[in-house]
Amino acid sequence: MQGKSESAGLSVSDRTFREVTEFLYRESNLLDKRRYREWLGLLTDDITYLMVARVRKEREAVAVTQKEGFIIDNKEKLELRVRRDETDFAWSENPPSFTRHFVTNIIIQPGAREGEEISVGSGVLLWVHRGDNLNYELFSYERQDILRRVNGTWKLASRKIIPDSSRLSIERISFLL
C-alpha cells in the first residue's frame, strides 16, 4: 500500500518510514555484531551523541535532566572509542560482550515533514551477556534521534539516550548503545 502516514500531524511517506526503520535495524545489527567501523560510517561528521540521567521526583512522574550526561560524545570521541576497542587494552570488553538491541516503537515525531532531516523516537531493550557468566543484563531506554539525508542516504546526526530508570540496571556500559 502506497501513501502517506498522516496520523498525529505526520506527513512522511510510507517509503520514508520504511527507510528509517530499516536504517535503525541495520544500525542495531552492526552494533550487535561489533562492526563498529561500519557503524561509524552511518554517522554525520557533526553528530552529537548523548546519554542523559533520568530523574524521578516525588510529585512528578518523570523529569529528565540534560545538565550532565553519562555520555557526551561527538564523532571524534566515538572514533576514539572504536579505535580503543580494537586494541588489546579494552579490558572491560575482554572477552567482548554479546549484545542484542531490540528496537521498537519507532515513531516519526509529530510535525515531521519529508526533507533532509527527520526526528525519530524509538524504544530499545538491550540484552547483554558477558563472558562465561550464566546471567545476563537488561537495559531499557528511549532514543531521540535526528536522521539526515547525506548524498541520498540516511545518517545519524544526533542521538539522545534516556534510560527508563533513574538507576542504571547494567553493571557497566563499555560498548556502544
N, C-alpha and C. Protein backbone atom coordinates (compact mmCIF):
# COMPACT_ATOMS: atom_id res chain seq x y z
N MET A 1 0.83 -1.17 0.00
CA MET A 1 0.00 0.00 0.00
C MET A 1 0.88 1.24 0.00
N GLN A 2 0.72 2.05 -0.99
CA GLN A 2 1.48 3.30 -1.08
C GLN A 2 0.66 4.41 -0.46
N GLY A 3 1.33 5.43 0.02
CA GLY A 3 0.59 6.55 0.59
C GLY A 3 1.45 7.32 1.55
N LYS A 4 0.77 8.05 2.41
CA LYS A 4 1.47 8.85 3.40
C LYS A 4 0.96 8.49 4.78
N SER A 5 1.87 8.51 5.76
CA SER A 5 1.48 8.34 7.15
C SER A 5 1.13 9.72 7.67
N GLU A 6 -0.13 9.94 8.01
CA GLU A 6 -0.55 11.27 8.40
C GLU A 6 -1.16 11.33 9.78
N SER A 7 -1.02 10.30 10.59
CA SER A 7 -1.56 10.36 11.94
C SER A 7 -0.72 11.30 12.79
N ALA A 8 -1.35 11.93 13.74
CA ALA A 8 -0.67 12.83 14.69
C ALA A 8 0.15 13.91 14.00
N GLY A 9 -0.35 14.41 12.87
CA GLY A 9 0.34 15.52 12.21
C GLY A 9 1.53 15.10 11.37
N LEU A 10 1.69 13.82 11.13
CA LEU A 10 2.83 13.36 10.34
C LEU A 10 2.55 13.55 8.87
N SER A 11 3.58 13.76 8.15
CA SER A 11 3.44 13.86 6.71
C SER A 11 4.68 13.26 6.07
N VAL A 12 4.93 12.00 6.33
CA VAL A 12 6.04 11.31 5.70
C VAL A 12 5.47 10.12 4.94
N SER A 13 6.11 9.80 3.86
CA SER A 13 5.64 8.69 3.04
C SER A 13 5.91 7.36 3.73
N ASP A 14 5.16 6.37 3.30
CA ASP A 14 5.40 5.01 3.80
C ASP A 14 6.82 4.58 3.46
N ARG A 15 7.30 5.01 2.29
CA ARG A 15 8.66 4.66 1.88
C ARG A 15 9.69 5.24 2.86
N THR A 16 9.51 6.51 3.24
CA THR A 16 10.43 7.13 4.19
C THR A 16 10.38 6.41 5.53
N PHE A 17 9.19 6.07 5.98
CA PHE A 17 9.07 5.34 7.25
C PHE A 17 9.81 4.01 7.17
N ARG A 18 9.66 3.30 6.07
CA ARG A 18 10.37 2.02 5.89
C ARG A 18 11.88 2.23 5.86
N GLU A 19 12.35 3.26 5.16
CA GLU A 19 13.78 3.55 5.09
C GLU A 19 14.35 3.84 6.49
N VAL A 20 13.62 4.63 7.26
CA VAL A 20 14.06 4.98 8.62
C VAL A 20 14.10 3.73 9.48
N THR A 21 13.06 2.92 9.41
CA THR A 21 13.01 1.69 10.20
C THR A 21 14.15 0.75 9.81
N GLU A 22 14.37 0.58 8.52
CA GLU A 22 15.46 -0.28 8.07
C GLU A 22 16.81 0.27 8.51
N PHE A 23 16.98 1.59 8.49
CA PHE A 23 18.22 2.20 8.95
C PHE A 23 18.47 1.83 10.42
N LEU A 24 17.45 1.99 11.26
CA LEU A 24 17.60 1.70 12.69
C LEU A 24 17.90 0.22 12.94
N TYR A 25 17.26 -0.66 12.19
CA TYR A 25 17.52 -2.10 12.34
C TYR A 25 18.93 -2.46 11.86
N ARG A 26 19.33 -1.88 10.73
CA ARG A 26 20.68 -2.15 10.20
C ARG A 26 21.74 -1.64 11.18
N GLU A 27 21.51 -0.45 11.73
CA GLU A 27 22.44 0.12 12.70
C GLU A 27 22.58 -0.79 13.91
N SER A 28 21.45 -1.25 14.45
CA SER A 28 21.49 -2.14 15.61
C SER A 28 22.22 -3.44 15.30
N ASN A 29 22.03 -3.96 14.11
CA ASN A 29 22.71 -5.18 13.69
C ASN A 29 24.22 -4.99 13.66
N LEU A 30 24.67 -3.83 13.16
CA LEU A 30 26.11 -3.55 13.15
C LEU A 30 26.66 -3.47 14.57
N LEU A 31 25.92 -2.83 15.47
CA LEU A 31 26.36 -2.75 16.88
C LEU A 31 26.44 -4.14 17.50
N ASP A 32 25.41 -4.96 17.28
CA ASP A 32 25.39 -6.30 17.87
C ASP A 32 26.51 -7.18 17.33
N LYS A 33 26.91 -6.97 16.10
CA LYS A 33 27.99 -7.76 15.51
C LYS A 33 29.35 -7.12 15.71
N ARG A 34 29.36 -6.01 16.47
CA ARG A 34 30.59 -5.28 16.80
C ARG A 34 31.32 -4.81 15.54
N ARG A 35 30.57 -4.47 14.53
CA ARG A 35 31.14 -3.93 13.30
C ARG A 35 31.13 -2.41 13.42
N TYR A 36 31.91 -1.95 14.38
CA TYR A 36 31.90 -0.53 14.76
C TYR A 36 32.43 0.39 13.67
N ARG A 37 33.39 -0.06 12.89
CA ARG A 37 33.91 0.77 11.79
C ARG A 37 32.79 1.08 10.79
N GLU A 38 32.02 0.05 10.45
CA GLU A 38 30.89 0.25 9.54
C GLU A 38 29.85 1.16 10.19
N TRP A 39 29.64 0.98 11.49
CA TRP A 39 28.68 1.81 12.22
C TRP A 39 29.08 3.28 12.16
N LEU A 40 30.37 3.57 12.31
CA LEU A 40 30.84 4.95 12.22
C LEU A 40 30.46 5.58 10.87
N GLY A 41 30.40 4.76 9.83
CA GLY A 41 30.02 5.25 8.51
C GLY A 41 28.57 5.70 8.41
N LEU A 42 27.76 5.32 9.41
CA LEU A 42 26.35 5.73 9.43
C LEU A 42 26.15 7.08 10.12
N LEU A 43 27.24 7.67 10.62
CA LEU A 43 27.14 8.91 11.39
C LEU A 43 27.55 10.11 10.55
N THR A 44 26.90 11.26 10.83
CA THR A 44 27.34 12.50 10.20
C THR A 44 28.59 12.98 10.92
N ASP A 45 29.36 13.84 10.27
CA ASP A 45 30.58 14.35 10.88
C ASP A 45 30.31 15.23 12.09
N ASP A 46 29.12 15.83 12.15
CA ASP A 46 28.78 16.73 13.25
C ASP A 46 27.84 16.10 14.28
N ILE A 47 27.85 14.78 14.38
CA ILE A 47 26.94 14.07 15.28
C ILE A 47 27.11 14.53 16.74
N THR A 48 25.99 14.57 17.44
CA THR A 48 26.00 14.69 18.90
C THR A 48 25.39 13.40 19.43
N TYR A 49 26.05 12.82 20.42
CA TYR A 49 25.68 11.51 20.96
C TYR A 49 25.68 11.67 22.46
N LEU A 50 24.51 11.61 23.07
CA LEU A 50 24.35 11.98 24.47
C LEU A 50 23.48 10.98 25.20
N MET A 51 23.91 10.60 26.39
CA MET A 51 23.06 9.81 27.29
C MET A 51 22.87 10.63 28.55
N VAL A 52 21.62 10.95 28.85
CA VAL A 52 21.30 11.79 30.00
C VAL A 52 20.84 10.93 31.18
N ALA A 53 20.69 11.56 32.32
CA ALA A 53 20.17 10.89 33.50
C ALA A 53 18.67 11.11 33.58
N ARG A 54 17.95 10.10 34.00
CA ARG A 54 16.52 10.26 34.26
C ARG A 54 16.37 10.51 35.76
N VAL A 55 15.58 11.50 36.10
CA VAL A 55 15.38 11.88 37.49
C VAL A 55 13.92 11.67 37.85
N ARG A 56 13.68 11.00 38.95
CA ARG A 56 12.31 10.82 39.45
C ARG A 56 12.11 11.74 40.64
N LYS A 57 11.02 12.48 40.59
CA LYS A 57 10.70 13.38 41.68
C LYS A 57 9.40 12.93 42.32
N GLU A 58 9.25 13.22 43.59
CA GLU A 58 8.11 12.72 44.35
C GLU A 58 6.77 13.09 43.73
N ARG A 59 6.60 14.34 43.33
CA ARG A 59 5.31 14.78 42.82
C ARG A 59 5.21 14.77 41.29
N GLU A 60 6.30 14.54 40.64
CA GLU A 60 6.30 14.48 39.18
C GLU A 60 6.59 13.04 38.76
N ALA A 61 5.94 12.62 37.71
CA ALA A 61 6.13 11.25 37.24
C ALA A 61 7.59 11.02 36.84
N VAL A 62 8.07 11.80 35.90
CA VAL A 62 9.43 11.64 35.43
C VAL A 62 9.93 12.99 34.93
N ALA A 63 11.15 13.31 35.28
CA ALA A 63 11.79 14.51 34.72
C ALA A 63 13.16 14.09 34.21
N VAL A 64 13.57 14.68 33.13
CA VAL A 64 14.86 14.35 32.54
C VAL A 64 15.74 15.58 32.63
N THR A 65 16.94 15.38 33.11
CA THR A 65 17.89 16.50 33.18
C THR A 65 18.94 16.34 32.11
N GLN A 66 19.32 17.45 31.51
CA GLN A 66 20.37 17.43 30.50
C GLN A 66 21.63 18.13 30.98
N LYS A 67 21.64 18.58 32.23
CA LYS A 67 22.81 19.32 32.74
C LYS A 67 24.09 18.55 32.51
N GLU A 68 24.06 17.31 32.91
CA GLU A 68 25.24 16.47 32.77
C GLU A 68 24.80 15.13 32.23
N GLY A 69 25.52 14.62 31.30
CA GLY A 69 25.18 13.32 30.75
C GLY A 69 26.16 12.27 31.23
N PHE A 70 25.73 11.02 31.19
CA PHE A 70 26.65 9.92 31.45
C PHE A 70 27.64 9.84 30.30
N ILE A 71 27.11 10.07 29.09
CA ILE A 71 27.93 10.02 27.89
C ILE A 71 27.66 11.29 27.10
N ILE A 72 28.70 11.99 26.75
CA ILE A 72 28.57 13.16 25.88
C ILE A 72 29.69 13.02 24.84
N ASP A 73 29.31 12.60 23.64
CA ASP A 73 30.30 12.31 22.61
C ASP A 73 29.99 13.06 21.32
N ASN A 74 31.04 13.20 20.52
CA ASN A 74 30.92 13.69 19.15
C ASN A 74 31.59 12.65 18.26
N LYS A 75 31.72 12.92 17.00
CA LYS A 75 32.30 11.92 16.07
C LYS A 75 33.72 11.55 16.46
N GLU A 76 34.52 12.55 16.84
CA GLU A 76 35.90 12.29 17.22
C GLU A 76 35.98 11.36 18.43
N LYS A 77 35.18 11.61 19.44
CA LYS A 77 35.19 10.75 20.63
C LYS A 77 34.68 9.35 20.32
N LEU A 78 33.68 9.24 19.46
CA LEU A 78 33.18 7.92 19.08
C LEU A 78 34.24 7.14 18.30
N GLU A 79 34.98 7.83 17.43
CA GLU A 79 36.07 7.18 16.70
C GLU A 79 37.16 6.71 17.65
N LEU A 80 37.45 7.50 18.68
CA LEU A 80 38.44 7.09 19.69
C LEU A 80 37.97 5.85 20.45
N ARG A 81 36.69 5.81 20.78
CA ARG A 81 36.14 4.64 21.48
C ARG A 81 36.27 3.39 20.62
N VAL A 82 35.99 3.53 19.33
CA VAL A 82 36.10 2.39 18.42
C VAL A 82 37.56 1.97 18.28
N ARG A 83 38.45 2.94 18.11
CA ARG A 83 39.88 2.64 17.99
C ARG A 83 40.38 1.91 19.23
N ARG A 84 39.99 2.38 20.41
CA ARG A 84 40.40 1.74 21.66
C ARG A 84 39.86 0.31 21.75
N ASP A 85 38.62 0.11 21.31
CA ASP A 85 38.01 -1.22 21.35
C ASP A 85 38.77 -2.20 20.45
N GLU A 86 39.44 -1.69 19.44
CA GLU A 86 40.18 -2.53 18.50
C GLU A 86 41.56 -2.93 19.04
N THR A 87 41.93 -2.40 20.20
CA THR A 87 43.24 -2.73 20.78
C THR A 87 43.09 -3.83 21.83
N ASP A 88 44.22 -4.24 22.38
CA ASP A 88 44.23 -5.22 23.47
C ASP A 88 44.03 -4.55 24.83
N PHE A 89 43.79 -3.24 24.84
CA PHE A 89 43.69 -2.51 26.10
C PHE A 89 42.26 -2.18 26.51
N ALA A 90 41.28 -2.74 25.83
CA ALA A 90 39.88 -2.55 26.19
C ALA A 90 39.51 -3.64 27.19
N TRP A 91 40.05 -3.53 28.41
CA TRP A 91 39.92 -4.58 29.42
C TRP A 91 38.46 -4.91 29.75
N SER A 92 37.62 -3.89 29.80
CA SER A 92 36.24 -4.14 30.20
C SER A 92 35.46 -4.91 29.13
N GLU A 93 36.02 -5.01 27.94
CA GLU A 93 35.37 -5.77 26.87
C GLU A 93 36.25 -6.93 26.41
N ASN A 94 36.93 -7.56 27.37
CA ASN A 94 37.76 -8.72 27.07
C ASN A 94 37.40 -9.84 28.03
N PRO A 95 36.64 -10.83 27.61
CA PRO A 95 36.14 -11.04 26.26
C PRO A 95 35.00 -10.07 25.94
N PRO A 96 34.73 -9.87 24.66
CA PRO A 96 33.68 -8.93 24.26
C PRO A 96 32.29 -9.36 24.75
N SER A 97 31.51 -8.39 25.13
CA SER A 97 30.11 -8.65 25.50
C SER A 97 29.33 -9.04 24.26
N PHE A 98 28.35 -9.89 24.45
CA PHE A 98 27.40 -10.19 23.39
C PHE A 98 26.18 -9.33 23.66
N THR A 99 25.75 -8.56 22.66
CA THR A 99 24.59 -7.69 22.85
C THR A 99 23.53 -7.99 21.79
N ARG A 100 22.32 -7.66 22.15
CA ARG A 100 21.21 -7.71 21.20
C ARG A 100 20.34 -6.50 21.48
N HIS A 101 20.27 -5.59 20.51
CA HIS A 101 19.44 -4.39 20.60
C HIS A 101 18.07 -4.70 20.00
N PHE A 102 17.03 -4.66 20.80
CA PHE A 102 15.67 -4.83 20.32
C PHE A 102 15.08 -3.43 20.16
N VAL A 103 14.96 -2.97 18.94
CA VAL A 103 14.45 -1.62 18.65
C VAL A 103 12.96 -1.73 18.35
N THR A 104 12.17 -0.91 19.02
CA THR A 104 10.72 -1.00 18.88
C THR A 104 10.09 0.39 18.99
N ASN A 105 8.79 0.43 18.80
CA ASN A 105 8.01 1.67 18.95
C ASN A 105 8.64 2.83 18.19
N ILE A 106 8.99 2.59 16.95
CA ILE A 106 9.60 3.63 16.12
C ILE A 106 8.51 4.61 15.69
N ILE A 107 8.73 5.87 16.04
CA ILE A 107 7.73 6.90 15.73
C ILE A 107 8.43 8.10 15.12
N ILE A 108 7.95 8.50 13.96
CA ILE A 108 8.41 9.75 13.37
C ILE A 108 7.73 10.85 14.19
N GLN A 109 8.50 11.77 14.70
CA GLN A 109 7.96 12.77 15.62
C GLN A 109 6.91 13.64 14.95
N PRO A 110 5.87 14.02 15.72
CA PRO A 110 4.80 14.88 15.18
C PRO A 110 5.38 16.14 14.54
N GLY A 111 4.78 16.50 13.42
CA GLY A 111 5.22 17.68 12.70
C GLY A 111 6.33 17.40 11.70
N ALA A 112 6.83 16.15 11.68
CA ALA A 112 7.91 15.82 10.75
C ALA A 112 7.40 15.94 9.31
N ARG A 113 8.24 16.37 8.44
CA ARG A 113 7.92 16.53 7.02
C ARG A 113 9.03 15.88 6.20
N GLU A 114 8.67 15.46 5.01
CA GLU A 114 9.69 14.92 4.11
C GLU A 114 10.78 15.96 3.93
N GLY A 115 12.00 15.56 3.89
CA GLY A 115 13.07 16.51 3.69
C GLY A 115 14.41 15.92 4.02
N GLU A 116 15.32 16.79 4.39
CA GLU A 116 16.70 16.39 4.62
C GLU A 116 16.94 15.87 6.04
N GLU A 117 16.11 16.28 7.00
CA GLU A 117 16.24 15.79 8.37
C GLU A 117 14.89 15.34 8.91
N ILE A 118 14.95 14.36 9.79
CA ILE A 118 13.72 13.84 10.37
C ILE A 118 14.01 13.42 11.81
N SER A 119 13.07 13.72 12.71
CA SER A 119 13.21 13.34 14.13
C SER A 119 12.48 12.03 14.35
N VAL A 120 13.17 11.09 15.00
CA VAL A 120 12.64 9.75 15.18
C VAL A 120 12.79 9.35 16.64
N GLY A 121 11.71 8.86 17.23
CA GLY A 121 11.78 8.30 18.57
C GLY A 121 11.69 6.79 18.49
N SER A 122 12.35 6.11 19.42
CA SER A 122 12.25 4.65 19.47
C SER A 122 12.56 4.17 20.88
N GLY A 123 12.15 2.96 21.16
CA GLY A 123 12.49 2.31 22.42
C GLY A 123 13.47 1.19 22.14
N VAL A 124 14.37 0.95 23.08
CA VAL A 124 15.37 -0.12 22.92
C VAL A 124 15.41 -0.95 24.19
N LEU A 125 15.36 -2.24 24.01
CA LEU A 125 15.66 -3.17 25.09
C LEU A 125 16.98 -3.82 24.71
N LEU A 126 17.98 -3.61 25.53
CA LEU A 126 19.32 -4.13 25.26
C LEU A 126 19.58 -5.33 26.17
N TRP A 127 19.89 -6.47 25.54
CA TRP A 127 20.24 -7.70 26.24
C TRP A 127 21.75 -7.83 26.16
N VAL A 128 22.40 -8.06 27.30
CA VAL A 128 23.86 -8.12 27.36
C VAL A 128 24.28 -9.40 28.08
N HIS A 129 25.19 -10.13 27.45
CA HIS A 129 25.77 -11.32 28.08
C HIS A 129 27.28 -11.16 28.05
N ARG A 130 27.91 -11.39 29.20
CA ARG A 130 29.36 -11.18 29.31
C ARG A 130 30.08 -12.49 29.63
N GLY A 131 31.08 -12.79 28.82
CA GLY A 131 31.96 -13.93 29.09
C GLY A 131 31.23 -15.24 29.31
N ASP A 132 31.68 -16.00 30.32
CA ASP A 132 31.10 -17.30 30.63
C ASP A 132 30.01 -17.20 31.70
N ASN A 133 29.65 -16.00 32.08
CA ASN A 133 28.63 -15.79 33.09
C ASN A 133 27.30 -16.38 32.61
N LEU A 134 26.59 -17.06 33.49
CA LEU A 134 25.29 -17.62 33.12
C LEU A 134 24.20 -16.56 33.14
N ASN A 135 24.46 -15.47 33.80
CA ASN A 135 23.47 -14.40 33.90
C ASN A 135 23.59 -13.43 32.73
N TYR A 136 22.57 -12.64 32.57
CA TYR A 136 22.56 -11.60 31.55
C TYR A 136 22.00 -10.33 32.17
N GLU A 137 22.19 -9.22 31.48
CA GLU A 137 21.67 -7.94 31.95
C GLU A 137 20.72 -7.38 30.90
N LEU A 138 19.74 -6.64 31.39
CA LEU A 138 18.80 -5.94 30.52
C LEU A 138 18.89 -4.45 30.80
N PHE A 139 18.84 -3.67 29.76
CA PHE A 139 18.89 -2.22 29.88
C PHE A 139 17.86 -1.66 28.91
N SER A 140 16.92 -0.91 29.43
CA SER A 140 15.84 -0.37 28.63
C SER A 140 15.99 1.15 28.54
N TYR A 141 15.81 1.69 27.34
CA TYR A 141 15.96 3.13 27.19
C TYR A 141 15.19 3.65 25.98
N GLU A 142 14.96 4.95 26.02
CA GLU A 142 14.34 5.67 24.92
C GLU A 142 15.45 6.34 24.11
N ARG A 143 15.24 6.41 22.79
CA ARG A 143 16.17 7.15 21.94
C ARG A 143 15.42 8.25 21.20
N GLN A 144 16.03 9.41 21.16
CA GLN A 144 15.53 10.51 20.34
C GLN A 144 16.62 10.82 19.33
N ASP A 145 16.35 10.46 18.09
CA ASP A 145 17.35 10.58 17.03
C ASP A 145 16.95 11.64 16.02
N ILE A 146 17.94 12.22 15.40
CA ILE A 146 17.74 13.03 14.20
C ILE A 146 18.53 12.35 13.10
N LEU A 147 17.81 11.97 12.04
CA LEU A 147 18.45 11.38 10.87
C LEU A 147 18.50 12.44 9.78
N ARG A 148 19.59 12.44 9.04
CA ARG A 148 19.78 13.43 7.97
C ARG A 148 20.14 12.70 6.68
N ARG A 149 19.56 13.15 5.59
CA ARG A 149 19.93 12.59 4.28
C ARG A 149 21.24 13.23 3.83
N VAL A 150 22.21 12.39 3.55
CA VAL A 150 23.50 12.84 3.05
C VAL A 150 23.77 12.03 1.78
N ASN A 151 23.84 12.73 0.66
CA ASN A 151 24.03 12.06 -0.63
C ASN A 151 23.02 10.94 -0.86
N GLY A 152 21.77 11.20 -0.48
CA GLY A 152 20.69 10.25 -0.72
C GLY A 152 20.58 9.12 0.29
N THR A 153 21.41 9.13 1.33
CA THR A 153 21.43 8.06 2.33
C THR A 153 21.17 8.65 3.71
N TRP A 154 20.39 7.95 4.52
CA TRP A 154 20.16 8.40 5.89
C TRP A 154 21.41 8.19 6.73
N LYS A 155 21.71 9.20 7.55
CA LYS A 155 22.81 9.11 8.51
C LYS A 155 22.32 9.64 9.84
N LEU A 156 22.93 9.17 10.91
CA LEU A 156 22.57 9.60 12.25
C LEU A 156 23.29 10.90 12.56
N ALA A 157 22.51 11.98 12.79
CA ALA A 157 23.07 13.31 13.07
C ALA A 157 23.04 13.63 14.56
N SER A 158 22.13 13.00 15.29
CA SER A 158 22.02 13.26 16.72
C SER A 158 21.33 12.09 17.38
N ARG A 159 21.82 11.73 18.56
CA ARG A 159 21.17 10.69 19.37
C ARG A 159 21.17 11.13 20.81
N LYS A 160 19.99 11.08 21.41
CA LYS A 160 19.84 11.33 22.84
C LYS A 160 19.26 10.05 23.43
N ILE A 161 19.98 9.49 24.39
CA ILE A 161 19.59 8.24 25.05
C ILE A 161 19.07 8.60 26.43
N ILE A 162 17.86 8.13 26.74
CA ILE A 162 17.24 8.41 28.03
C ILE A 162 16.89 7.08 28.70
N PRO A 163 17.63 6.68 29.73
CA PRO A 163 17.33 5.42 30.41
C PRO A 163 15.91 5.42 30.96
N ASP A 164 15.28 4.26 31.00
CA ASP A 164 13.92 4.17 31.54
C ASP A 164 13.90 4.17 33.06
N SER A 165 15.04 4.03 33.66
CA SER A 165 15.13 4.01 35.12
C SER A 165 16.09 5.10 35.59
N SER A 166 15.85 5.58 36.80
CA SER A 166 16.76 6.59 37.35
C SER A 166 18.05 5.96 37.87
N ARG A 167 18.06 4.64 38.01
CA ARG A 167 19.28 3.92 38.39
C ARG A 167 19.61 2.94 37.29
N LEU A 168 20.88 2.91 36.90
CA LEU A 168 21.27 2.01 35.83
C LEU A 168 21.19 0.57 36.29
N SER A 169 20.56 -0.25 35.47
CA SER A 169 20.38 -1.66 35.80
C SER A 169 21.48 -2.53 35.18
N ILE A 170 22.48 -1.89 34.65
CA ILE A 170 23.53 -2.61 33.96
C ILE A 170 24.86 -2.31 34.66
N GLU A 171 25.70 -3.32 34.79
CA GLU A 171 26.95 -3.19 35.54
C GLU A 171 27.86 -2.10 34.98
N ARG A 172 28.03 -2.11 33.66
CA ARG A 172 28.88 -1.10 33.02
C ARG A 172 28.48 -0.97 31.57
N ILE A 173 28.71 0.21 31.04
CA ILE A 173 28.42 0.46 29.63
C ILE A 173 29.77 0.65 28.94
N SER A 174 30.29 -0.44 28.41
CA SER A 174 31.61 -0.42 27.79
C SER A 174 31.51 -0.74 26.30
N PHE A 175 30.32 -0.62 25.77
CA PHE A 175 30.06 -0.87 24.35
C PHE A 175 29.15 0.25 23.87
N LEU A 176 28.88 0.27 22.59
CA LEU A 176 28.07 1.35 22.02
C LEU A 176 26.58 1.04 22.14
N LEU A 177 25.83 2.07 22.48
CA LEU A 177 24.38 1.94 22.60
C LEU A 177 23.75 2.33 21.29
